[in-house]
C-alpha atoms as a PDB file:
ATOM      1  CA  UNK A   1      -0.052   0.060  -0.302  1.00  0.00           C
ATOM      2  CA  UNK A   2       1.540   3.429  -0.997  1.00  0.00           C
ATOM      3  CA  UNK A   3       0.818   6.384   1.274  1.00  0.00           C
ATOM      4  CA  UNK A   4       0.527   8.720  -2.026  1.00  0.00           C
ATOM      5  CA  UNK A   5      -2.173   6.747  -3.671  1.00  0.00           C
ATOM      6  CA  UNK A   6      -4.164   6.611  -0.165  1.00  0.00           C
ATOM      7  CA  UNK A   7      -3.933  10.134   0.243  1.00  0.00           C
ATOM      8  CA  UNK A   8      -5.085  10.774  -2.991  1.00  0.00           C
ATOM      9  CA  UNK A   9      -7.872   8.485  -2.747  1.00  0.00           C
ATOM     10  CA  UNK A  10      -8.833  10.424   0.620  1.00  0.00           C
ATOM     11  CA  UNK A  11      -9.062  13.517  -0.906  1.00  0.00           C
ATOM     12  CA  UNK A  12     -11.569  12.749  -2.915  1.00  0.00           C
ATOM     13  CA  UNK A  13     -13.723  10.005  -0.689  1.00  0.00           C
ATOM     14  CA  UNK A  14     -15.304  10.939   2.689  1.00  0.00           C
ATOM     15  CA  UNK A  15     -13.995   9.175   5.688  1.00  0.00           C
ATOM     16  CA  UNK A  16     -16.696   6.658   6.035  1.00  0.00           C
ATOM     17  CA  UNK A  17     -14.993   5.119   2.799  1.00  0.00           C
ATOM     18  CA  UNK A  18     -11.712   3.294   3.274  1.00  0.00           C
ATOM     19  CA  UNK A  19      -9.279   3.108   0.934  1.00  0.00           C
ATOM     20  CA  UNK A  20      -6.063   1.159  -0.052  1.00  0.00           C
ATOM     21  CA  UNK A  21      -3.692   1.935  -3.433  1.00  0.00           C
ATOM     22  CA  UNK A  22      -0.589   1.003  -4.719  1.00  0.00           C
ATOM     23  CA  UNK A  23       1.343   2.211  -7.458  1.00  0.00           C
ATOM     24  CA  UNK A  24       2.961  -0.683  -8.186  1.00  0.00           C
ATOM     25  CA  UNK A  25       2.226  -4.180  -8.712  1.00  0.00           C
ATOM     26  CA  UNK A  26       2.591  -6.461  -5.321  1.00  0.00           C
ATOM     27  CA  UNK A  27       4.550  -9.379  -5.750  1.00  0.00           C
ATOM     28  CA  UNK A  28       2.813 -11.042  -2.896  1.00  0.00           C
ATOM     29  CA  UNK A  29      -0.415 -10.870  -3.826  1.00  0.00           C
ATOM     30  CA  UNK A  30      -2.487 -13.704  -4.586  1.00  0.00           C
ATOM     31  CA  UNK A  31      -5.862 -14.205  -5.869  1.00  0.00           C
ATOM     32  CA  UNK A  32      -8.751 -16.423  -4.164  1.00  0.00           C
ATOM     33  CA  UNK A  33     -10.083 -19.416  -6.215  1.00  0.00           C
ATOM     34  CA  UNK A  34     -13.137 -17.826  -6.968  1.00  0.00           C
ATOM     35  CA  UNK A  35     -11.441 -14.629  -8.467  1.00  0.00           C
ATOM     36  CA  UNK A  36      -9.332 -16.724 -10.737  1.00  0.00           C
ATOM     37  CA  UNK A  37     -11.735 -17.090 -13.596  1.00  0.00           C
ATOM     38  CA  UNK A  38     -11.889 -13.625 -14.666  1.00  0.00           C
ATOM     39  CA  UNK A  39      -8.135 -13.635 -15.782  1.00  0.00           C
ATOM     40  CA  UNK A  40      -7.746 -17.065 -16.601  1.00  0.00           C
ATOM     41  CA  UNK A  41      -6.863 -16.095 -20.376  1.00  0.00           C
ATOM     42  CA  UNK A  42      -5.372 -12.802 -19.368  1.00  0.00           C
ATOM     43  CA  UNK A  43      -1.914 -11.692 -20.216  1.00  0.00           C
ATOM     44  CA  UNK A  44       0.613 -10.872 -17.361  1.00  0.00           C
ATOM     45  CA  UNK A  45       0.237  -7.575 -16.974  1.00  0.00           C
ATOM     46  CA  UNK A  46      -3.439  -7.541 -16.872  1.00  0.00           C
ATOM     47  CA  UNK A  47      -3.430 -10.139 -14.732  1.00  0.00           C
ATOM     48  CA  UNK A  48      -0.896  -8.621 -11.936  1.00  0.00           C
ATOM     49  CA  UNK A  49      -2.705  -5.338 -12.135  1.00  0.00           C
ATOM     50  CA  UNK A  50      -5.839  -7.426 -11.296  1.00  0.00           C
ATOM     51  CA  UNK A  51      -4.459  -9.497  -8.691  1.00  0.00           C
ATOM     52  CA  UNK A  52      -2.616  -6.222  -7.207  1.00  0.00           C
ATOM     53  CA  UNK A  53      -6.331  -4.108  -7.062  1.00  0.00           C
ATOM     54  CA  UNK A  54      -7.883  -7.333  -5.804  1.00  0.00           C
ATOM     55  CA  UNK A  55      -5.042  -7.480  -2.692  1.00  0.00           C
ATOM     56  CA  UNK A  56      -5.907  -3.701  -2.607  1.00  0.00           C
ATOM     57  CA  UNK A  57      -9.616  -4.208  -2.013  1.00  0.00           C
ATOM     58  CA  UNK A  58      -8.756  -6.747   0.580  1.00  0.00           C
ATOM     59  CA  UNK A  59      -6.269  -4.438   2.456  1.00  0.00           C
ATOM     60  CA  UNK A  60      -9.607  -1.952   2.458  1.00  0.00           C
ATOM     61  CA  UNK A  61     -11.967  -4.552   3.658  1.00  0.00           C
ATOM     62  CA  UNK A  62      -9.704  -5.304   6.576  1.00  0.00           C
ATOM     63  CA  UNK A  63      -9.100  -1.969   7.541  1.00  0.00           C
ATOM     64  CA  UNK A  64     -12.775  -1.334   7.663  1.00  0.00           C
ATOM     65  CA  UNK A  65     -13.420  -4.309   9.474  1.00  0.00           C
ATOM     66  CA  UNK A  66     -14.983  -6.639   7.451  1.00  0.00           C
ATOM     67  CA  UNK A  67     -13.795 -10.215   6.237  1.00  0.00           C
ATOM     68  CA  UNK A  68     -11.186 -10.018   4.202  1.00  0.00           C
ATOM     69  CA  UNK A  69     -13.146 -12.267   1.597  1.00  0.00           C
ATOM     70  CA  UNK A  70     -12.516 -13.257  -2.129  1.00  0.00           C
ATOM     71  CA  UNK A  71     -13.834 -10.595  -4.330  1.00  0.00           C
ATOM     72  CA  UNK A  72     -14.906 -12.365  -7.621  1.00  0.00           C
ATOM     73  CA  UNK A  73     -16.294 -10.574 -10.842  1.00  0.00           C
ATOM     74  CA  UNK A  74     -19.953 -10.726 -11.114  1.00  0.00           C
ATOM     75  CA  UNK A  75     -22.358  -9.427 -13.507  1.00  0.00           C
ATOM     76  CA  UNK A  76     -21.248  -7.097 -16.000  1.00  0.00           C
ATOM     77  CA  UNK A  77     -17.806  -7.517 -14.676  1.00  0.00           C
ATOM     78  CA  UNK A  78     -18.559  -5.504 -11.204  1.00  0.00           C
ATOM     79  CA  UNK A  79     -17.002  -6.692  -8.224  1.00  0.00           C
ATOM     80  CA  UNK A  80     -19.009  -9.077  -5.887  1.00  0.00           C
ATOM     81  CA  UNK A  81     -18.544  -7.200  -2.173  1.00  0.00           C
ATOM     82  CA  UNK A  82     -19.297  -9.285   1.172  1.00  0.00           C
ATOM     83  CA  UNK A  83     -22.813  -8.605   2.661  1.00  0.00           C
ATOM     84  CA  UNK A  84     -23.333  -5.472   4.168  1.00  0.00           C
ATOM     85  CA  UNK A  85     -20.319  -3.702   2.309  1.00  0.00           C
ATOM     86  CA  UNK A  86     -20.273  -1.428  -0.818  1.00  0.00           C
ATOM     87  CA  UNK A  87     -17.321  -0.563  -2.660  1.00  0.00           C
ATOM     88  CA  UNK A  88     -15.159   0.032  -6.097  1.00  0.00           C
ATOM     89  CA  UNK A  89     -11.828  -0.850  -7.525  1.00  0.00           C
ATOM     90  CA  UNK A  90      -9.948   0.509 -10.354  1.00  0.00           C
ATOM     91  CA  UNK A  91      -6.777   0.089 -11.995  1.00  0.00           C
ATOM     92  CA  UNK A  92      -4.738   1.707 -14.682  1.00  0.00           C
ATOM     93  CA  UNK A  93      -1.082   2.115 -15.717  1.00  0.00           C
ATOM     94  CA  UNK A  94       0.750   3.162 -12.501  1.00  0.00           C
ATOM     95  CA  UNK A  95      -2.362   2.683  -9.988  1.00  0.00           C
ATOM     96  CA  UNK A  96      -4.284  -0.027  -8.559  1.00  0.00           C
ATOM     97  CA  UNK A  97      -6.833   1.216  -5.762  1.00  0.00           C
ATOM     98  CA  UNK A  98     -10.048   0.143  -4.012  1.00  0.00           C
ATOM     99  CA  UNK A  99     -12.756   1.918  -1.954  1.00  0.00           C
ATOM    100  CA  UNK A 100     -14.960   0.004   0.635  1.00  0.00           C
ATOM    101  CA  UNK A 101     -17.786   1.351   3.194  1.00  0.00           C
ATOM    102  CA  UNK A 102     -20.459  -0.158   5.322  1.00  0.00           C
ATOM    103  CA  UNK A 103     -23.785   0.124   3.273  1.00  0.00           C
ATOM    104  CA  UNK A 104     -25.613   1.392   6.231  1.00  0.00           C
ATOM    105  CA  UNK A 105     -23.132   4.468   5.966  1.00  0.00           C
ATOM    106  CA  UNK A 106     -22.827   4.899   2.536  1.00  0.00           C
ATOM    107  CA  UNK A 107     -25.393   3.251  -0.364  1.00  0.00           C
ATOM    108  CA  UNK A 108     -22.861   2.716  -3.341  1.00  0.00           C
ATOM    109  CA  UNK A 109     -18.951   3.853  -4.389  1.00  0.00           C
ATOM    110  CA  UNK A 110     -17.599   4.940  -7.595  1.00  0.00           C
ATOM    111  CA  UNK A 111     -14.094   5.137  -8.215  1.00  0.00           C
ATOM    112  CA  UNK A 112     -11.791   5.203 -11.155  1.00  0.00           C
ATOM    113  CA  UNK A 113      -8.179   6.598 -12.038  1.00  0.00           C
ATOM    114  CA  UNK A 114      -6.767   7.304 -15.396  1.00  0.00           C
ATOM    115  CA  UNK A 115      -3.278   8.569 -16.949  1.00  0.00           C
ATOM    116  CA  UNK A 116      -3.763  12.342 -16.823  1.00  0.00           C
ATOM    117  CA  UNK A 117      -3.120  12.533 -20.238  1.00  0.00           C
ATOM    118  CA  UNK A 118      -5.724  13.286 -23.527  1.00  0.00           C
ATOM    119  CA  UNK A 119      -8.330  11.239 -24.729  1.00  0.00           C
ATOM    120  CA  UNK A 120      -7.371   9.299 -28.007  1.00  0.00           C
ATOM    121  CA  UNK A 121      -8.879  11.135 -31.409  1.00  0.00           C
ATOM    122  CA  UNK A 122     -12.213  10.209 -31.308  1.00  0.00           C
ATOM    123  CA  UNK A 123     -13.077   9.456 -27.933  1.00  0.00           C
ATOM    124  CA  UNK A 124     -14.618  12.558 -26.486  1.00  0.00           C
ATOM    125  CA  UNK A 125     -17.065  12.991 -29.137  1.00  0.00           C
ATOM    126  CA  UNK A 126     -18.287   9.467 -28.147  1.00  0.00           C
ATOM    127  CA  UNK A 127     -18.915  10.050 -24.422  1.00  0.00           C
ATOM    128  CA  UNK A 128     -20.132  13.582 -24.428  1.00  0.00           C
ATOM    129  CA  UNK A 129     -22.315  16.281 -26.119  1.00  0.00           C
ATOM    130  CA  UNK A 130     -21.462  19.104 -27.959  1.00  0.00           C
ATOM    131  CA  UNK A 131     -22.889  20.984 -24.457  1.00  0.00           C
ATOM    132  CA  UNK A 132     -20.481  18.739 -22.124  1.00  0.00           C
ATOM    133  CA  UNK A 133     -18.056  19.945 -24.963  1.00  0.00           C
ATOM    134  CA  UNK A 134     -18.667  23.619 -24.707  1.00  0.00           C
ATOM    135  CA  UNK A 135     -18.324  23.783 -21.483  1.00  0.00           C
ATOM    136  CA  UNK A 136     -14.988  21.844 -21.271  1.00  0.00           C
ATOM    137  CA  UNK A 137     -13.895  24.371 -23.486  1.00  0.00           C
ATOM    138  CA  UNK A 138     -14.415  27.299 -21.444  1.00  0.00           C
ATOM    139  CA  UNK A 139     -12.787  25.174 -18.181  1.00  0.00           C
ATOM    140  CA  UNK A 140      -9.840  24.834 -20.571  1.00  0.00           C
ATOM    141  CA  UNK A 141      -9.672  28.293 -21.456  1.00  0.00           C
ATOM    142  CA  UNK A 142      -9.095  29.086 -17.833  1.00  0.00           C
ATOM    143  CA  UNK A 143      -7.013  26.017 -16.634  1.00  0.00           C
ATOM    144  CA  UNK A 144      -5.413  25.004 -19.731  1.00  0.00           C
ATOM    145  CA  UNK A 145      -3.201  22.462 -17.987  1.00  0.00           C
ATOM    146  CA  UNK A 146      -5.874  20.562 -16.721  1.00  0.00           C
ATOM    147  CA  UNK A 147      -7.029  17.401 -18.801  1.00  0.00           C
ATOM    148  CA  UNK A 148     -10.786  18.362 -18.829  1.00  0.00           C
ATOM    149  CA  UNK A 149     -11.605  15.813 -21.146  1.00  0.00           C
ATOM    150  CA  UNK A 150      -9.931  13.053 -19.232  1.00  0.00           C
ATOM    151  CA  UNK A 151     -11.679  14.232 -15.797  1.00  0.00           C
ATOM    152  CA  UNK A 152     -15.036  14.180 -17.888  1.00  0.00           C
ATOM    153  CA  UNK A 153     -14.508  10.430 -19.114  1.00  0.00           C
ATOM    154  CA  UNK A 154     -13.222   9.357 -15.747  1.00  0.00           C
ATOM    155  CA  UNK A 155     -16.087  10.631 -13.806  1.00  0.00           C
ATOM    156  CA  UNK A 156     -18.609   9.087 -15.798  1.00  0.00           C
ATOM    157  CA  UNK A 157     -16.697   5.717 -15.238  1.00  0.00           C
ATOM    158  CA  UNK A 158     -17.114   6.437 -11.611  1.00  0.00           C
ATOM    159  CA  UNK A 159     -20.680   7.685 -12.443  1.00  0.00           C
ATOM    160  CA  UNK A 160     -21.454   3.959 -13.933  1.00  0.00           C
ATOM    161  CA  UNK A 161     -19.721   2.314 -11.019  1.00  0.00           C
ATOM    162  CA  UNK A 162     -22.190   4.199  -8.352  1.00  0.00           C
ATOM    163  CA  UNK A 163     -24.954   3.203 -10.881  1.00  0.00           C
ATOM    164  CA  UNK A 164     -25.134  -0.133 -11.200  1.00  0.00           C
ATOM    165  CA  UNK A 165     -25.171  -1.757  -7.612  1.00  0.00           C
ATOM    166  CA  UNK A 166     -28.252   0.555  -7.375  1.00  0.00           C
ATOM    167  CA  UNK A 167     -30.050  -1.153 -10.600  1.00  0.00           C
ATOM    168  CA  UNK A 168     -28.003  -3.715 -11.793  1.00  0.00           C
ATOM    169  CA  UNK A 169     -28.519  -1.578 -15.343  1.00  0.00           C
ATOM    170  CA  UNK A 170     -26.174  -0.221 -17.960  1.00  0.00           C
ATOM    171  CA  UNK A 171     -25.895   3.322 -18.314  1.00  0.00           C
ATOM    172  CA  UNK A 172     -24.449   4.705 -21.453  1.00  0.00           C
ATOM    173  CA  UNK A 173     -22.140   7.962 -21.520  1.00  0.00           C
ATOM    174  CA  UNK A 174     -25.283   9.863 -22.850  1.00  0.00           C
ATOM    175  CA  UNK A 175     -27.244   8.973 -20.276  1.00  0.00           C
ATOM    176  CA  UNK A 176     -25.661  11.178 -17.711  1.00  0.00           C
ATOM    177  CA  UNK A 177     -24.730  14.866 -18.394  1.00  0.00           C
ATOM    178  CA  UNK A 178     -21.223  15.314 -16.523  1.00  0.00           C
ATOM    179  CA  UNK A 179     -20.619  19.018 -15.148  1.00  0.00           C
ATOM    180  CA  UNK A 180     -16.919  19.279 -13.713  1.00  0.00           C
ATOM    181  CA  UNK A 181     -15.922  22.472 -11.693  1.00  0.00           C
ATOM    182  CA  UNK A 182     -12.476  24.300 -10.987  1.00  0.00           C
ATOM    183  CA  UNK A 183     -12.869  23.320  -7.426  1.00  0.00           C
ATOM    184  CA  UNK A 184     -12.081  19.420  -7.769  1.00  0.00           C
ATOM    185  CA  UNK A 185     -15.863  18.939  -7.638  1.00  0.00           C
ATOM    186  CA  UNK A 186     -18.343  17.340 -10.549  1.00  0.00           C
ATOM    187  CA  UNK A 187     -22.320  16.750 -10.891  1.00  0.00           C
ATOM    188  CA  UNK A 188     -23.670  13.875 -12.752  1.00  0.00           C
ATOM    189  CA  UNK A 189     -27.528  14.457 -14.074  1.00  0.00           C
ATOM    190  CA  UNK A 190     -29.152  11.566 -15.008  1.00  0.00           C
ATOM    191  CA  UNK A 191     -30.996  11.579 -18.272  1.00  0.00           C
ATOM    192  CA  UNK A 192     -32.871   8.360 -17.332  1.00  0.00           C
ATOM    193  CA  UNK A 193     -35.079   7.702 -14.443  1.00  0.00           C
ATOM    194  CA  UNK A 194     -33.161   6.709 -11.469  1.00  0.00           C
ATOM    195  CA  UNK A 195     -33.545   4.208  -8.820  1.00  0.00           C
ATOM    196  CA  UNK A 196     -35.374   4.941  -5.518  1.00  0.00           C
ATOM    197  CA  UNK A 197     -32.789   5.303  -3.153  1.00  0.00           C
ATOM    198  CA  UNK A 198     -33.895   5.831   0.916  1.00  0.00           C
ATOM    199  CA  UNK A 199     -37.171   6.540  -0.522  1.00  0.00           C
ATOM    200  CA  UNK A 200     -36.569   9.279  -3.122  1.00  0.00           C
ATOM    201  CA  UNK A 201     -35.801   8.944  -6.706  1.00  0.00           C
ATOM    202  CA  UNK A 202     -31.831   9.532  -7.403  1.00  0.00           C
ATOM    203  CA  UNK A 203     -31.602  12.420 -10.330  1.00  0.00           C
ATOM    204  CA  UNK A 204     -27.865  12.645 -10.058  1.00  0.00           C
ATOM    205  CA  UNK A 205     -24.726  11.891  -8.332  1.00  0.00           C
ATOM    206  CA  UNK A 206     -21.761  14.206  -6.766  1.00  0.00           C
ATOM    207  CA  UNK A 207     -18.362  13.488  -6.782  1.00  0.00           C
ATOM    208  CA  UNK A 208     -14.859  15.180  -6.355  1.00  0.00           C
ATOM    209  CA  UNK A 209     -11.623  14.531  -8.755  1.00  0.00           C
ATOM    210  CA  UNK A 210      -7.843  15.134  -8.025  1.00  0.00           C
ATOM    211  CA  UNK A 211      -5.058  15.341 -10.175  1.00  0.00           C
ATOM    212  CA  UNK A 212      -1.833  13.902  -8.816  1.00  0.00           C
ATOM    213  CA  UNK A 213       1.318  12.246  -9.809  1.00  0.00           C
ATOM    214  CA  UNK A 214       0.163  11.916 -13.500  1.00  0.00           C
ATOM    215  CA  UNK A 215      -3.226  10.808 -12.781  1.00  0.00           C
ATOM    216  CA  UNK A 216      -6.629  11.853 -12.707  1.00  0.00           C
ATOM    217  CA  UNK A 217      -8.993  10.098  -9.954  1.00  0.00           C
ATOM    218  CA  UNK A 218     -12.865  10.483  -9.678  1.00  0.00           C
ATOM    219  CA  UNK A 219     -14.693   8.983  -6.979  1.00  0.00           C
ATOM    220  CA  UNK A 220     -18.451   9.425  -5.744  1.00  0.00           C
ATOM    221  CA  UNK A 221     -20.065   8.137  -2.358  1.00  0.00           C
ATOM    222  CA  UNK A 222     -23.901   8.566  -2.077  1.00  0.00           C
ATOM    223  CA  UNK A 223     -24.049   8.874   1.702  1.00  0.00           C
ATOM    224  CA  UNK A 224     -27.169   6.615   3.276  1.00  0.00           C
ATOM    225  CA  UNK A 225     -29.535   9.443   3.859  1.00  0.00           C
ATOM    226  CA  UNK A 226     -30.125   8.408   7.908  1.00  0.00           C
ATOM    227  CA  UNK A 227     -26.698   9.065   8.108  1.00  0.00           C
END
């Protein structure tokens, strides 16, 4: 576990969420038998980052006080957490991380990390609409050193990871309008009916982003209403 990686995650997540992260692969990490099928045919590099990320997830579970159980891949490749736990896992070049919380305090968690570089040609057009792109252009005029396209992409990944455990349904990039702000926050407004959470229909998510050590990290933690 790396201090820098955990510090970045703790910047974008509240205290009720426990995190663990690494910037390299852990040679001591091993997969549980239930996790093996997800990478049975993967190349060595993919297997290593998946294994390390699962190790981060177990570290986070232990710090939360939950069983350090296997975290197999479920429907739509979403991680399957122990009963009573919500969480998210992310891994990219130079980063592997996980975030977990008790479901009675946090209803869902979304987490994504990406290299802080421009999106490949054509990707921004595929994941955003003209209004979102106009807003990014305005942000870029005042903060040109920030890859706003990558923040939008990463935040939409976090939105999907937060959405899926609540619904079990797909959410397309075009089905949530993403609005990042210079203060390290973002808002995602759903363009489709949302699930009922704590007695009210969910109409969107609020999250946070940070750029640090060549990475963009975005996260969402939807608190339980009673919490």
